[in-house]
Amino acid sequence: MLIAVRAEVESADHWKENFKKHGDLFKSQGVTLAHIGVANDDTVIAVFDTTDPDEFIRIFNDPATSEAMSEDKITGGVEMFLLDETFKP
């Protein structure tokens, strides 16, 4: 399943650099692949392919994830989306 997380950050460059340091945390969430992108210098998105969406969400709401987000200088506006439908035009 795919899960997208959008957030506001102090610096997209800082976020991208630090995001990649959380491999063990992402693996514990069942993440097999993560796509990351930047809308502007203070808005970012990550799309995670996870084998265990329930565990992803549980760990996402854990204090360890809040600490990781703090290290990444996430300032707010965090939104999570479960991408549970597909559409082929």
PDB file of N, CA and C in Angstrom:
ATOM      1  N   MET A   1       0.841  -1.173   0.000  1.00  0.00           N
ATOM      2  CA  MET A   1       0.000   0.000   0.000  1.00  0.00           C
ATOM      3  C   MET A   1       0.887   1.238   0.000  1.00  0.00           C
ATOM      4  N   LEU A   2       0.391   2.288  -0.617  1.00  0.00           N
ATOM      5  CA  LEU A   2       1.100   3.555  -0.641  1.00  0.00           C
ATOM      6  C   LEU A   2       0.503   4.512   0.387  1.00  0.00           C
ATOM      7  N   ILE A   3       1.401   5.214   1.073  1.00  0.00           N
ATOM      8  CA  ILE A   3       1.004   6.233   2.038  1.00  0.00           C
ATOM      9  C   ILE A   3       1.808   7.492   1.718  1.00  0.00           C
ATOM     10  N   ALA A   4       1.119   8.613   1.590  1.00  0.00           N
ATOM     11  CA  ALA A   4       1.788   9.893   1.325  1.00  0.00           C
ATOM     12  C   ALA A   4       1.763  10.741   2.590  1.00  0.00           C
ATOM     13  N   VAL A   5       2.869  11.425   2.837  1.00  0.00           N
ATOM     14  CA  VAL A   5       2.958  12.346   3.968  1.00  0.00           C
ATOM     15  C   VAL A   5       3.473  13.678   3.431  1.00  0.00           C
ATOM     16  N   ARG A   6       2.699  14.724   3.655  1.00  0.00           N
ATOM     17  CA  ARG A   6       3.052  16.087   3.247  1.00  0.00           C
ATOM     18  C   ARG A   6       3.372  16.868   4.507  1.00  0.00           C
ATOM     19  N   ALA A   7       4.375  17.751   4.421  1.00  0.00           N
ATOM     20  CA  ALA A   7       4.750  18.524   5.607  1.00  0.00           C
ATOM     21  C   ALA A   7       5.350  19.864   5.211  1.00  0.00           C
ATOM     22  N   GLU A   8       5.290  20.790   6.152  1.00  0.00           N
ATOM     23  CA  GLU A   8       5.964  22.071   6.016  1.00  0.00           C
ATOM     24  C   GLU A   8       7.272  21.975   6.794  1.00  0.00           C
ATOM     25  N   VAL A   9       8.348  22.498   6.196  1.00  0.00           N
ATOM     26  CA  VAL A   9       9.683  22.378   6.784  1.00  0.00           C
ATOM     27  C   VAL A   9      10.402  23.722   6.776  1.00  0.00           C
ATOM     28  N   GLU A  10      11.443  23.824   7.592  1.00  0.00           N
ATOM     29  CA  GLU A  10      12.280  25.033   7.580  1.00  0.00           C
ATOM     30  C   GLU A  10      13.029  25.158   6.259  1.00  0.00           C
ATOM     31  N   SER A  11      13.561  24.022   5.787  1.00  0.00           N
ATOM     32  CA  SER A  11      14.367  24.014   4.572  1.00  0.00           C
ATOM     33  C   SER A  11      14.222  22.663   3.883  1.00  0.00           C
ATOM     34  N   ALA A  12      13.799  22.670   2.632  1.00  0.00           N
ATOM     35  CA  ALA A  12      13.635  21.424   1.887  1.00  0.00           C
ATOM     36  C   ALA A  12      14.976  20.705   1.737  1.00  0.00           C
ATOM     37  N   ASP A  13      16.051  21.440   1.530  1.00  0.00           N
ATOM     38  CA  ASP A  13      17.362  20.806   1.390  1.00  0.00           C
ATOM     39  C   ASP A  13      17.763  20.084   2.672  1.00  0.00           C
ATOM     40  N   HIS A  14      17.558  20.722   3.815  1.00  0.00           N
ATOM     41  CA  HIS A  14      17.862  20.088   5.104  1.00  0.00           C
ATOM     42  C   HIS A  14      16.996  18.843   5.291  1.00  0.00           C
ATOM     43  N   TRP A  15      15.716  18.954   4.984  1.00  0.00           N
ATOM     44  CA  TRP A  15      14.794  17.827   5.137  1.00  0.00           C
ATOM     45  C   TRP A  15      15.245  16.649   4.283  1.00  0.00           C
ATOM     46  N   LYS A  16      15.560  16.896   3.012  1.00  0.00           N
ATOM     47  CA  LYS A  16      15.976  15.804   2.122  1.00  0.00           C
ATOM     48  C   LYS A  16      17.223  15.106   2.646  1.00  0.00           C
ATOM     49  N   GLU A  17      18.173  15.864   3.136  1.00  0.00           N
ATOM     50  CA  GLU A  17      19.407  15.269   3.652  1.00  0.00           C
ATOM     51  C   GLU A  17      19.139  14.411   4.880  1.00  0.00           C
ATOM     52  N   ASN A  18      18.344  14.921   5.824  1.00  0.00           N
ATOM     53  CA  ASN A  18      18.082  14.200   7.063  1.00  0.00           C
ATOM     54  C   ASN A  18      17.088  13.060   6.892  1.00  0.00           C
ATOM     55  N   PHE A  19      16.140  13.201   5.988  1.00  0.00           N
ATOM     56  CA  PHE A  19      15.139  12.166   5.730  1.00  0.00           C
ATOM     57  C   PHE A  19      15.815  10.824   5.474  1.00  0.00           C
ATOM     58  N   LYS A  20      16.887  10.857   4.722  1.00  0.00           N
ATOM     59  CA  LYS A  20      17.572   9.627   4.310  1.00  0.00           C
ATOM     60  C   LYS A  20      18.330   8.955   5.445  1.00  0.00           C
ATOM     61  N   LYS A  21      18.415   9.582   6.595  1.00  0.00           N
ATOM     62  CA  LYS A  21      19.080   9.002   7.760  1.00  0.00           C
ATOM     63  C   LYS A  21      18.151   8.115   8.585  1.00  0.00           C
ATOM     64  N   HIS A  22      16.865   8.069   8.221  1.00  0.00           N
ATOM     65  CA  HIS A  22      15.871   7.350   9.025  1.00  0.00           C
ATOM     66  C   HIS A  22      15.522   5.975   8.453  1.00  0.00           C
ATOM     67  N   GLY A  23      16.471   5.357   7.766  1.00  0.00           N
ATOM     68  CA  GLY A  23      16.217   4.067   7.132  1.00  0.00           C
ATOM     69  C   GLY A  23      15.697   3.006   8.078  1.00  0.00           C
ATOM     70  N   ASP A  24      16.297   2.892   9.256  1.00  0.00           N
ATOM     71  CA  ASP A  24      15.861   1.867  10.213  1.00  0.00           C
ATOM     72  C   ASP A  24      14.429   2.117  10.681  1.00  0.00           C
ATOM     73  N   LEU A  25      14.092   3.379  10.913  1.00  0.00           N
ATOM     74  CA  LEU A  25      12.726   3.712  11.313  1.00  0.00           C
ATOM     75  C   LEU A  25      11.740   3.328  10.209  1.00  0.00           C
ATOM     76  N   PHE A  26      12.080   3.675   8.964  1.00  0.00           N
ATOM     77  CA  PHE A  26      11.187   3.349   7.855  1.00  0.00           C
ATOM     78  C   PHE A  26      11.054   1.837   7.674  1.00  0.00           C
ATOM     79  N   LYS A  27      12.149   1.106   7.816  1.00  0.00           N
ATOM     80  CA  LYS A  27      12.087  -0.357   7.691  1.00  0.00           C
ATOM     81  C   LYS A  27      11.168  -0.947   8.745  1.00  0.00           C
ATOM     82  N   SER A  28      11.194  -0.384   9.963  1.00  0.00           N
ATOM     83  CA  SER A  28      10.321  -0.890  11.028  1.00  0.00           C
ATOM     84  C   SER A  28       8.844  -0.646  10.706  1.00  0.00           C
ATOM     85  N   GLN A  29       8.574   0.283   9.797  1.00  0.00           N
ATOM     86  CA  GLN A  29       7.206   0.577   9.370  1.00  0.00           C
ATOM     87  C   GLN A  29       6.810  -0.252   8.147  1.00  0.00           C
ATOM     88  N   GLY A  30       7.651  -1.170   7.738  1.00  0.00           N
ATOM     89  CA  GLY A  30       7.362  -1.994   6.572  1.00  0.00           C
ATOM     90  C   GLY A  30       7.623  -1.279   5.253  1.00  0.00           C
ATOM     91  N   VAL A  31       8.346  -0.169   5.285  1.00  0.00           N
ATOM     92  CA  VAL A  31       8.605   0.602   4.062  1.00  0.00           C
ATOM     93  C   VAL A  31       9.645  -0.119   3.212  1.00  0.00           C
ATOM     94  N   THR A  32       9.308  -0.330   1.948  1.00  0.00           N
ATOM     95  CA  THR A  32      10.225  -0.953   1.006  1.00  0.00           C
ATOM     96  C   THR A  32      10.798   0.062   0.018  1.00  0.00           C
ATOM     97  N   LEU A  33      10.123   1.189  -0.140  1.00  0.00           N
ATOM     98  CA  LEU A  33      10.560   2.228  -1.069  1.00  0.00           C
ATOM     99  C   LEU A  33       9.904   3.541  -0.668  1.00  0.00           C
ATOM    100  N   ALA A  34      10.649   4.628  -0.787  1.00  0.00           N
ATOM    101  CA  ALA A  34      10.084   5.949  -0.501  1.00  0.00           C
ATOM    102  C   ALA A  34      10.449   6.893  -1.637  1.00  0.00           C
ATOM    103  N   HIS A  35       9.450   7.608  -2.131  1.00  0.00           N
ATOM    104  CA  HIS A  35       9.644   8.658  -3.131  1.00  0.00           C
ATOM    105  C   HIS A  35       9.528   9.986  -2.396  1.00  0.00           C
ATOM    106  N   ILE A  36      10.441  10.920  -2.672  1.00  0.00           N
ATOM    107  CA  ILE A  36      10.359  12.216  -2.008  1.00  0.00           C
ATOM    108  C   ILE A  36      10.360  13.327  -3.047  1.00  0.00           C
ATOM    109  N   GLY A  37       9.670  14.420  -2.698  1.00  0.00           N
ATOM    110  CA  GLY A  37       9.594  15.551  -3.608  1.00  0.00           C
ATOM    111  C   GLY A  37       9.409  16.851  -2.850  1.00  0.00           C
ATOM    112  N   VAL A  38       9.659  17.921  -3.571  1.00  0.00           N
ATOM    113  CA  VAL A  38       9.613  19.257  -2.991  1.00  0.00           C
ATOM    114  C   VAL A  38       8.699  20.128  -3.842  1.00  0.00           C
ATOM    115  N   ALA A  39       7.745  20.812  -3.182  1.00  0.00           N
ATOM    116  CA  ALA A  39       6.879  21.751  -3.902  1.00  0.00           C
ATOM    117  C   ALA A  39       7.530  23.130  -3.951  1.00  0.00           C
ATOM    118  N   ASN A  40       8.164  23.508  -2.860  1.00  0.00           N
ATOM    119  CA  ASN A  40       8.921  24.755  -2.754  1.00  0.00           C
ATOM    120  C   ASN A  40       9.870  24.579  -1.582  1.00  0.00           C
ATOM    121  N   ASP A  41      10.577  25.606  -1.169  1.00  0.00           N
ATOM    122  CA  ASP A  41      11.594  25.418  -0.136  1.00  0.00           C
ATOM    123  C   ASP A  41      11.022  25.041   1.229  1.00  0.00           C
ATOM    124  N   ASP A  42       9.703  25.187   1.411  1.00  0.00           N
ATOM    125  CA  ASP A  42       9.160  24.842   2.729  1.00  0.00           C
ATOM    126  C   ASP A  42       7.992  23.857   2.691  1.00  0.00           C
ATOM    127  N   THR A  43       7.760  23.193   1.578  1.00  0.00           N
ATOM    128  CA  THR A  43       6.709  22.179   1.495  1.00  0.00           C
ATOM    129  C   THR A  43       7.263  20.941   0.793  1.00  0.00           C
ATOM    130  N   VAL A  44       7.149  19.789   1.481  1.00  0.00           N
ATOM    131  CA  VAL A  44       7.713  18.551   0.960  1.00  0.00           C
ATOM    132  C   VAL A  44       6.685  17.429   1.029  1.00  0.00           C
ATOM    133  N   ILE A  45       6.972  16.354   0.295  1.00  0.00           N
ATOM    134  CA  ILE A  45       6.100  15.178   0.334  1.00  0.00           C
ATOM    135  C   ILE A  45       6.958  13.924   0.246  1.00  0.00           C
ATOM    136  N   ALA A  46       6.511  12.893   0.917  1.00  0.00           N
ATOM    137  CA  ALA A  46       7.123  11.569   0.809  1.00  0.00           C
ATOM    138  C   ALA A  46       5.992  10.578   0.554  1.00  0.00           C
ATOM    139  N   VAL A  47       6.205   9.689  -0.397  1.00  0.00           N
ATOM    140  CA  VAL A  47       5.239   8.634  -0.686  1.00  0.00           C
ATOM    141  C   VAL A  47       5.936   7.311  -0.372  1.00  0.00           C
ATOM    142  N   PHE A  48       5.368   6.596   0.573  1.00  0.00           N
ATOM    143  CA  PHE A  48       5.962   5.364   1.074  1.00  0.00           C
ATOM    144  C   PHE A  48       5.210   4.151   0.537  1.00  0.00           C
ATOM    145  N   ASP A  49       5.952   3.167   0.082  1.00  0.00           N
ATOM    146  CA  ASP A  49       5.381   1.866  -0.249  1.00  0.00           C
ATOM    147  C   ASP A  49       5.632   0.987   0.967  1.00  0.00           C
ATOM    148  N   THR A  50       4.554   0.578   1.641  1.00  0.00           N
ATOM    149  CA  THR A  50       4.696  -0.200   2.861  1.00  0.00           C
ATOM    150  C   THR A  50       3.949  -1.533   2.748  1.00  0.00           C
ATOM    151  N   THR A  51       4.524  -2.548   3.367  1.00  0.00           N
ATOM    152  CA  THR A  51       3.887  -3.859   3.405  1.00  0.00           C
ATOM    153  C   THR A  51       2.937  -3.987   4.586  1.00  0.00           C
ATOM    154  N   ASP A  52       2.973  -3.009   5.497  1.00  0.00           N
ATOM    155  CA  ASP A  52       2.160  -3.078   6.714  1.00  0.00           C
ATOM    156  C   ASP A  52       1.626  -1.692   7.083  1.00  0.00           C
ATOM    157  N   PRO A  53       0.535  -1.266   6.433  1.00  0.00           N
ATOM    158  CA  PRO A  53       0.018   0.078   6.704  1.00  0.00           C
ATOM    159  C   PRO A  53      -0.376   0.311   8.164  1.00  0.00           C
ATOM    160  N   ASP A  54      -0.884  -0.699   8.840  1.00  0.00           N
ATOM    161  CA  ASP A  54      -1.257  -0.521  10.250  1.00  0.00           C
ATOM    162  C   ASP A  54      -0.030  -0.217  11.109  1.00  0.00           C
ATOM    163  N   GLU A  55       1.061  -0.940  10.857  1.00  0.00           N
ATOM    164  CA  GLU A  55       2.296  -0.699  11.605  1.00  0.00           C
ATOM    165  C   GLU A  55       2.890   0.658  11.226  1.00  0.00           C
ATOM    166  N   PHE A  56       2.793   1.030   9.961  1.00  0.00           N
ATOM    167  CA  PHE A  56       3.268   2.344   9.527  1.00  0.00           C
ATOM    168  C   PHE A  56       2.568   3.435  10.328  1.00  0.00           C
ATOM    169  N   ILE A  57       1.250   3.348  10.405  1.00  0.00           N
ATOM    170  CA  ILE A  57       0.468   4.376  11.102  1.00  0.00           C
ATOM    171  C   ILE A  57       0.767   4.363  12.603  1.00  0.00           C
ATOM    172  N   ARG A  58       0.893   3.165  13.189  1.00  0.00           N
ATOM    173  CA  ARG A  58       1.187   3.067  14.623  1.00  0.00           C
ATOM    174  C   ARG A  58       2.517   3.762  14.925  1.00  0.00           C
ATOM    175  N   ILE A  59       3.550   3.455  14.149  1.00  0.00           N
ATOM    176  CA  ILE A  59       4.861   4.044  14.388  1.00  0.00           C
ATOM    177  C   ILE A  59       4.866   5.525  14.020  1.00  0.00           C
ATOM    178  N   PHE A  60       4.112   5.902  13.006  1.00  0.00           N
ATOM    179  CA  PHE A  60       4.014   7.311  12.622  1.00  0.00           C
ATOM    180  C   PHE A  60       3.529   8.162  13.794  1.00  0.00           C
ATOM    181  N   ASN A  61       2.640   7.594  14.612  1.00  0.00           N
ATOM    182  CA  ASN A  61       2.080   8.312  15.758  1.00  0.00           C
ATOM    183  C   ASN A  61       2.899   8.139  17.038  1.00  0.00           C
ATOM    184  N   ASP A  62       4.051   7.467  16.951  1.00  0.00           N
ATOM    185  CA  ASP A  62       4.921   7.204  18.091  1.00  0.00           C
ATOM    186  C   ASP A  62       5.852   8.397  18.339  1.00  0.00           C
ATOM    187  N   PRO A  63       6.235   8.629  19.600  1.00  0.00           N
ATOM    188  CA  PRO A  63       7.166   9.724  19.901  1.00  0.00           C
ATOM    189  C   PRO A  63       8.492   9.641  19.130  1.00  0.00           C
ATOM    190  N   ALA A  64       8.956   8.458  18.779  1.00  0.00           N
ATOM    191  CA  ALA A  64      10.210   8.317  18.020  1.00  0.00           C
ATOM    192  C   ALA A  64      10.092   9.010  16.664  1.00  0.00           C
ATOM    193  N   THR A  65       8.913   8.940  16.060  1.00  0.00           N
ATOM    194  CA  THR A  65       8.705   9.601  14.775  1.00  0.00           C
ATOM    195  C   THR A  65       8.667  11.110  14.964  1.00  0.00           C
ATOM    196  N   SER A  66       8.065  11.576  16.041  1.00  0.00           N
ATOM    197  CA  SER A  66       8.064  13.018  16.333  1.00  0.00           C
ATOM    198  C   SER A  66       9.486  13.529  16.492  1.00  0.00           C
ATOM    199  N   GLU A  67      10.331  12.739  17.149  1.00  0.00           N
ATOM    200  CA  GLU A  67      11.731  13.124  17.326  1.00  0.00           C
ATOM    201  C   GLU A  67      12.442  13.194  15.972  1.00  0.00           C
ATOM    202  N   ALA A  68      12.194  12.218  15.106  1.00  0.00           N
ATOM    203  CA  ALA A  68      12.801  12.222  13.775  1.00  0.00           C
ATOM    204  C   ALA A  68      12.332  13.439  12.979  1.00  0.00           C
ATOM    205  N   MET A  69      11.048  13.767  13.083  1.00  0.00           N
ATOM    206  CA  MET A  69      10.520  14.930  12.372  1.00  0.00           C
ATOM    207  C   MET A  69      11.159  16.217  12.890  1.00  0.00           C
ATOM    208  N   SER A  70      11.421  16.271  14.180  1.00  0.00           N
ATOM    209  CA  SER A  70      12.071  17.437  14.758  1.00  0.00           C
ATOM    210  C   SER A  70      13.485  17.593  14.195  1.00  0.00           C
ATOM    211  N   GLU A  71      14.209  16.488  14.075  1.00  0.00           N
ATOM    212  CA  GLU A  71      15.551  16.505  13.495  1.00  0.00           C
ATOM    213  C   GLU A  71      15.516  16.979  12.041  1.00  0.00           C
ATOM    214  N   ASP A  72      14.436  16.661  11.356  1.00  0.00           N
ATOM    215  CA  ASP A  72      14.285  17.056   9.950  1.00  0.00           C
ATOM    216  C   ASP A  72      13.795  18.494   9.814  1.00  0.00           C
ATOM    217  N   LYS A  73      13.550  19.143  10.946  1.00  0.00           N
ATOM    218  CA  LYS A  73      13.061  20.521  11.008  1.00  0.00           C
ATOM    219  C   LYS A  73      11.701  20.692  10.331  1.00  0.00           C
ATOM    220  N   ILE A  74      10.819  19.736  10.603  1.00  0.00           N
ATOM    221  CA  ILE A  74       9.431  19.856  10.165  1.00  0.00           C
ATOM    222  C   ILE A  74       8.749  20.837  11.105  1.00  0.00           C
ATOM    223  N   THR A  75       8.128  21.859  10.531  1.00  0.00           N
ATOM    224  CA  THR A  75       7.549  22.932  11.335  1.00  0.00           C
ATOM    225  C   THR A  75       6.044  22.793  11.522  1.00  0.00           C
ATOM    226  N   GLY A  76       5.386  21.937  10.754  1.00  0.00           N
ATOM    227  CA  GLY A  76       3.946  21.754  10.904  1.00  0.00           C
ATOM    228  C   GLY A  76       3.300  21.332   9.612  1.00  0.00           C
ATOM    229  N   GLY A  77       1.997  21.439   9.589  1.00  0.00           N
ATOM    230  CA  GLY A  77       1.240  21.112   8.386  1.00  0.00           C
ATOM    231  C   GLY A  77       1.370  19.673   7.948  1.00  0.00           C
ATOM    232  N   VAL A  78       1.632  18.759   8.880  1.00  0.00           N
ATOM    233  CA  VAL A  78       1.821  17.359   8.528  1.00  0.00           C
ATOM    234  C   VAL A  78       0.471  16.720   8.221  1.00  0.00           C
ATOM    235  N   GLU A  79       0.382  16.119   7.041  1.00  0.00           N
ATOM    236  CA  GLU A  79      -0.832  15.419   6.622  1.00  0.00           C
ATOM    237  C   GLU A  79      -0.441  14.057   6.083  1.00  0.00           C
ATOM    238  N   MET A  80      -1.219  13.031   6.431  1.00  0.00           N
ATOM    239  CA  MET A  80      -0.988  11.681   5.927  1.00  0.00           C
ATOM    240  C   MET A  80      -2.187  11.254   5.092  1.00  0.00           C
ATOM    241  N   PHE A  81      -1.895  10.609   3.964  1.00  0.00           N
ATOM    242  CA  PHE A  81      -2.934  10.134   3.060  1.00  0.00           C
ATOM    243  C   PHE A  81      -2.701   8.660   2.751  1.00  0.00           C
ATOM    244  N   LEU A  82      -3.717   7.832   2.941  1.00  0.00           N
ATOM    245  CA  LEU A  82      -3.652   6.445   2.503  1.00  0.00           C
ATOM    246  C   LEU A  82      -4.097   6.409   1.042  1.00  0.00           C
ATOM    247  N   LEU A  83      -3.227   5.954   0.177  1.00  0.00           N
ATOM    248  CA  LEU A  83      -3.541   5.893  -1.254  1.00  0.00           C
ATOM    249  C   LEU A  83      -4.086   4.498  -1.529  1.00  0.00           C
ATOM    250  N   ASP A  84      -5.369   4.309  -1.243  1.00  0.00           N
ATOM    251  CA  ASP A  84      -5.974   2.978  -1.283  1.00  0.00           C
ATOM    252  C   ASP A  84      -6.848   2.724  -2.509  1.00  0.00           C
ATOM    253  N   GLU A  85      -6.810   3.643  -3.453  1.00  0.00           N
ATOM    254  CA  GLU A  85      -7.557   3.444  -4.704  1.00  0.00           C
ATOM    255  C   GLU A  85      -6.668   3.803  -5.871  1.00  0.00           C
ATOM    256  N   THR A  86      -6.936   3.168  -6.984  1.00  0.00           N
ATOM    257  CA  THR A  86      -6.250   3.540  -8.228  1.00  0.00           C
ATOM    258  C   THR A  86      -7.295   3.839  -9.284  1.00  0.00           C
ATOM    259  N   PHE A  87      -6.906   4.634 -10.231  1.00  0.00           N
ATOM    260  CA  PHE A  87      -7.784   4.993 -11.344  1.00  0.00           C
ATOM    261  C   PHE A  87      -6.929   5.010 -12.591  1.00  0.00           C
ATOM    262  N   LYS A  88      -7.389   4.315 -13.604  1.00  0.00           N
ATOM    263  CA  LYS A  88      -6.667   4.289 -14.858  1.00  0.00           C
ATOM    264  C   LYS A  88      -7.560   4.927 -15.921  1.00  0.00           C
ATOM    265  N   PRO A  89      -7.197   6.136 -16.368  1.00  0.00           N
ATOM    266  CA  PRO A  89      -8.049   6.819 -17.360  1.00  0.00           C
ATOM    267  C   PRO A  89      -7.964   6.165 -18.737  1.00  0.00           C
TER     268      PRO A  89
END
